Structure formats: structure tokens, C-alpha cells
Amino acid sequence: MADEIESKMIGVDVDNRDETVGKKIRDAEKEIPYIIVLGEKEAGAEKFPVRVRADGKLHEMAVKDLIAEIEDKTGGELFKPLPTPLCPRNGLSRVG
């Protein structure tokens, strides 16, 4: 999913730190406008819960709907990719 979102030039963070899910969400809520928590229940689902910082609510969205909303809100002004890989999948990595 992160690769699909990043392919549209949208910044992605993946947090695989050895912290509780609650702590990761609290940390992300301070800066990240859209938070997706994926677990076994969400794996393979067409839609998943997206926490939107602007309204503080959870919204069920498909990846394409999330991408469309971000593109709409940013007016096409997205990020420039960094020269580093997305994430080694072992900690928080910044893309964007």
C-alpha cells in the first residue's frame, strides 16, 4: 500500500518501531494528516480505516479514494522523492 501511495508522489511514513499501537498513533497525530493502521484484520481488505487529523474521525477508504482526497487537498503540490528507499521496514522512515 505504501508503494502505491508513494507512486503518486505522496509522502508516506511507515512506523515499525517496537512501541504499542496506541503510542505510534499518538505520535503520528501530532504531525501526520492521514493515519492508517494496518493489522491482520485490515490485510487484503478493499477499504480500511483512515484517521483524518483535520476532523479527528475515522473514515473507511479505499487506497484510490485516499489518494484522490490528498491530491484534491494539496492541489497537486506533492512531495519530491528523497534519494533513499521507502523504509527498511524496521522503524519510522520518512519519505517526502
C-alpha atoms as a PDB file:
ATOM      1  CA  MET A   1       0.000   0.000   0.000  1.00  0.00           C
ATOM      2  CA  ALA A   2       2.809   2.432   0.856  1.00  0.00           C
ATOM      3  CA  ASP A   3       4.392   1.798  -2.552  1.00  0.00           C
ATOM      4  CA  GLU A   4       1.099   2.512  -4.335  1.00  0.00           C
ATOM      5  CA  ILE A   5       0.610   5.787  -2.463  1.00  0.00           C
ATOM      6  CA  GLU A   6       4.232   6.813  -2.943  1.00  0.00           C
ATOM      7  CA  SER A   7       3.982   6.087  -6.686  1.00  0.00           C
ATOM      8  CA  LYS A   8       1.538   9.024  -6.846  1.00  0.00           C
ATOM      9  CA  MET A   9       4.201  11.319  -5.331  1.00  0.00           C
ATOM     10  CA  ILE A  10       2.539  11.376  -1.914  1.00  0.00           C
ATOM     11  CA  GLY A  11       4.788  11.207   1.148  1.00  0.00           C
ATOM     12  CA  VAL A  12       4.499   8.041   3.242  1.00  0.00           C
ATOM     13  CA  ASP A  13       5.739   7.147   6.710  1.00  0.00           C
ATOM     14  CA  VAL A  14       5.895   3.553   7.910  1.00  0.00           C
ATOM     15  CA  ASP A  15       6.266   3.104  11.660  1.00  0.00           C
ATOM     16  CA  ASN A  16       7.536  -0.326  12.635  1.00  0.00           C
ATOM     17  CA  ARG A  17       9.071   0.760  15.929  1.00  0.00           C
ATOM     18  CA  ASP A  18       8.844  -1.553  18.895  1.00  0.00           C
ATOM     19  CA  GLU A  19       6.138   0.576  20.532  1.00  0.00           C
ATOM     20  CA  THR A  20       2.470  -0.007  21.264  1.00  0.00           C
ATOM     21  CA  VAL A  21      -0.002   0.801  18.502  1.00  0.00           C
ATOM     22  CA  GLY A  22      -1.527   3.459  20.762  1.00  0.00           C
ATOM     23  CA  LYS A  23       1.835   5.212  21.210  1.00  0.00           C
ATOM     24  CA  LYS A  24       2.501   5.142  17.476  1.00  0.00           C
ATOM     25  CA  ILE A  25      -0.925   6.676  16.800  1.00  0.00           C
ATOM     26  CA  ARG A  26      -0.432   9.387  19.467  1.00  0.00           C
ATOM     27  CA  ASP A  27       2.970  10.260  17.992  1.00  0.00           C
ATOM     28  CA  ALA A  28       1.602  10.388  14.443  1.00  0.00           C
ATOM     29  CA  GLU A  29      -1.429  12.503  15.415  1.00  0.00           C
ATOM     30  CA  LYS A  30       0.901  15.396  16.197  1.00  0.00           C
ATOM     31  CA  GLU A  31       2.126  15.767  12.610  1.00  0.00           C
ATOM     32  CA  ILE A  32       0.607  13.335  10.135  1.00  0.00           C
ATOM     33  CA  PRO A  33      -2.633  14.405   8.386  1.00  0.00           C
ATOM     34  CA  TYR A  34      -3.770  10.851   7.488  1.00  0.00           C
ATOM     35  CA  ILE A  35      -3.003   7.816   9.651  1.00  0.00           C
ATOM     36  CA  ILE A  36      -3.588   4.256   8.511  1.00  0.00           C
ATOM     37  CA  VAL A  37      -3.181   1.400  10.955  1.00  0.00           C
ATOM     38  CA  LEU A  38      -2.980  -1.947   9.219  1.00  0.00           C
ATOM     39  CA  GLY A  39      -3.183  -5.240  11.031  1.00  0.00           C
ATOM     40  CA  GLU A  40      -4.340  -8.748  10.284  1.00  0.00           C
ATOM     41  CA  LYS A  41      -7.981  -7.640  10.148  1.00  0.00           C
ATOM     42  CA  GLU A  42      -7.267  -4.967   7.518  1.00  0.00           C
ATOM     43  CA  ALA A  43      -4.836  -7.039   5.411  1.00  0.00           C
ATOM     44  CA  GLY A  44      -6.310  -7.652   1.985  1.00  0.00           C
ATOM     45  CA  ALA A  45      -9.413  -5.534   2.616  1.00  0.00           C
ATOM     46  CA  GLU A  46     -10.598  -3.209  -0.130  1.00  0.00           C
ATOM     47  CA  LYS A  47     -11.325  -0.417   2.366  1.00  0.00           C
ATOM     48  CA  PHE A  48      -9.574   0.358   5.616  1.00  0.00           C
ATOM     49  CA  PRO A  49      -9.900   2.894   8.437  1.00  0.00           C
ATOM     50  CA  VAL A  50      -8.093   6.196   7.857  1.00  0.00           C
ATOM     51  CA  ARG A  51      -7.763   8.593  10.797  1.00  0.00           C
ATOM     52  CA  VAL A  52      -8.019  12.143   9.428  1.00  0.00           C
ATOM     53  CA  ARG A  53      -6.311  14.698  11.647  1.00  0.00           C
ATOM     54  CA  ALA A  54      -8.392  17.608  10.283  1.00  0.00           C
ATOM     55  CA  ASP A  55     -11.631  16.255  11.759  1.00  0.00           C
ATOM     56  CA  GLY A  56     -10.316  13.696  14.256  1.00  0.00           C
ATOM     57  CA  LYS A  57     -12.532  10.957  12.833  1.00  0.00           C
ATOM     58  CA  LEU A  58     -12.029   7.553  11.258  1.00  0.00           C
ATOM     59  CA  HIS A  59     -13.135   7.213   7.641  1.00  0.00           C
ATOM     60  CA  GLU A  60     -13.421   3.977   5.666  1.00  0.00           C
ATOM     61  CA  MET A  61     -11.490   4.493   2.414  1.00  0.00           C
ATOM     62  CA  ALA A  62     -10.020   2.566  -0.462  1.00  0.00           C
ATOM     63  CA  VAL A  63      -6.432   3.444  -1.435  1.00  0.00           C
ATOM     64  CA  LYS A  64      -7.628   5.182  -4.611  1.00  0.00           C
ATOM     65  CA  ASP A  65     -10.054   7.324  -2.583  1.00  0.00           C
ATOM     66  CA  LEU A  66      -7.320   8.328  -0.130  1.00  0.00           C
ATOM     67  CA  ILE A  67      -5.002   9.258  -2.999  1.00  0.00           C
ATOM     68  CA  ALA A  68      -7.767  11.307  -4.661  1.00  0.00           C
ATOM     69  CA  GLU A  69      -8.523  13.173  -1.414  1.00  0.00           C
ATOM     70  CA  ILE A  70      -4.857  14.005  -0.807  1.00  0.00           C
ATOM     71  CA  GLU A  71      -4.384  15.167  -4.409  1.00  0.00           C
ATOM     72  CA  ASP A  72      -7.516  17.319  -4.099  1.00  0.00           C
ATOM     73  CA  LYS A  73      -6.414  18.881  -0.788  1.00  0.00           C
ATOM     74  CA  THR A  74      -2.867  19.582  -1.968  1.00  0.00           C
ATOM     75  CA  GLY A  75      -3.820  20.962  -5.358  1.00  0.00           C
ATOM     76  CA  GLY A  76      -1.253  18.711  -6.989  1.00  0.00           C
ATOM     77  CA  GLU A  77       1.625  20.196  -4.968  1.00  0.00           C
ATOM     78  CA  LEU A  78       3.035  16.973  -3.580  1.00  0.00           C
ATOM     79  CA  PHE A  79       6.471  15.963  -2.427  1.00  0.00           C
ATOM     80  CA  LYS A  80       9.771  15.464  -4.195  1.00  0.00           C
ATOM     81  CA  PRO A  81      11.130  11.966  -3.601  1.00  0.00           C
ATOM     82  CA  LEU A  82      14.166  11.517  -1.406  1.00  0.00           C
ATOM     83  CA  PRO A  83      17.180   9.593  -2.696  1.00  0.00           C
ATOM     84  CA  THR A  84      16.659   6.896  -0.052  1.00  0.00           C
ATOM     85  CA  PRO A  85      14.456   3.800  -0.145  1.00  0.00           C
ATOM     86  CA  LEU A  86      10.940   3.941   1.327  1.00  0.00           C
ATOM     87  CA  CYS A  87      11.629   2.062   4.503  1.00  0.00           C
ATOM     88  CA  PRO A  88      13.798  -0.754   5.718  1.00  0.00           C
ATOM     89  CA  ARG A  89      10.576  -1.883   7.476  1.00  0.00           C
ATOM     90  CA  ASN A  90      12.221  -1.818  10.889  1.00  0.00           C
ATOM     91  CA  GLY A  91      11.474   1.673  12.128  1.00  0.00           C
ATOM     92  CA  LEU A  92       9.982   5.017  11.268  1.00  0.00           C
ATOM     93  CA  SER A  93      11.201   6.218   7.896  1.00  0.00           C
ATOM     94  CA  ARG A  94      10.349   9.482   6.268  1.00  0.00           C
ATOM     95  CA  VAL A  95       9.535   9.745   2.602  1.00  0.00           C
ATOM     96  CA  GLY A  96       8.666  13.180   1.358  1.00  0.00           C
END
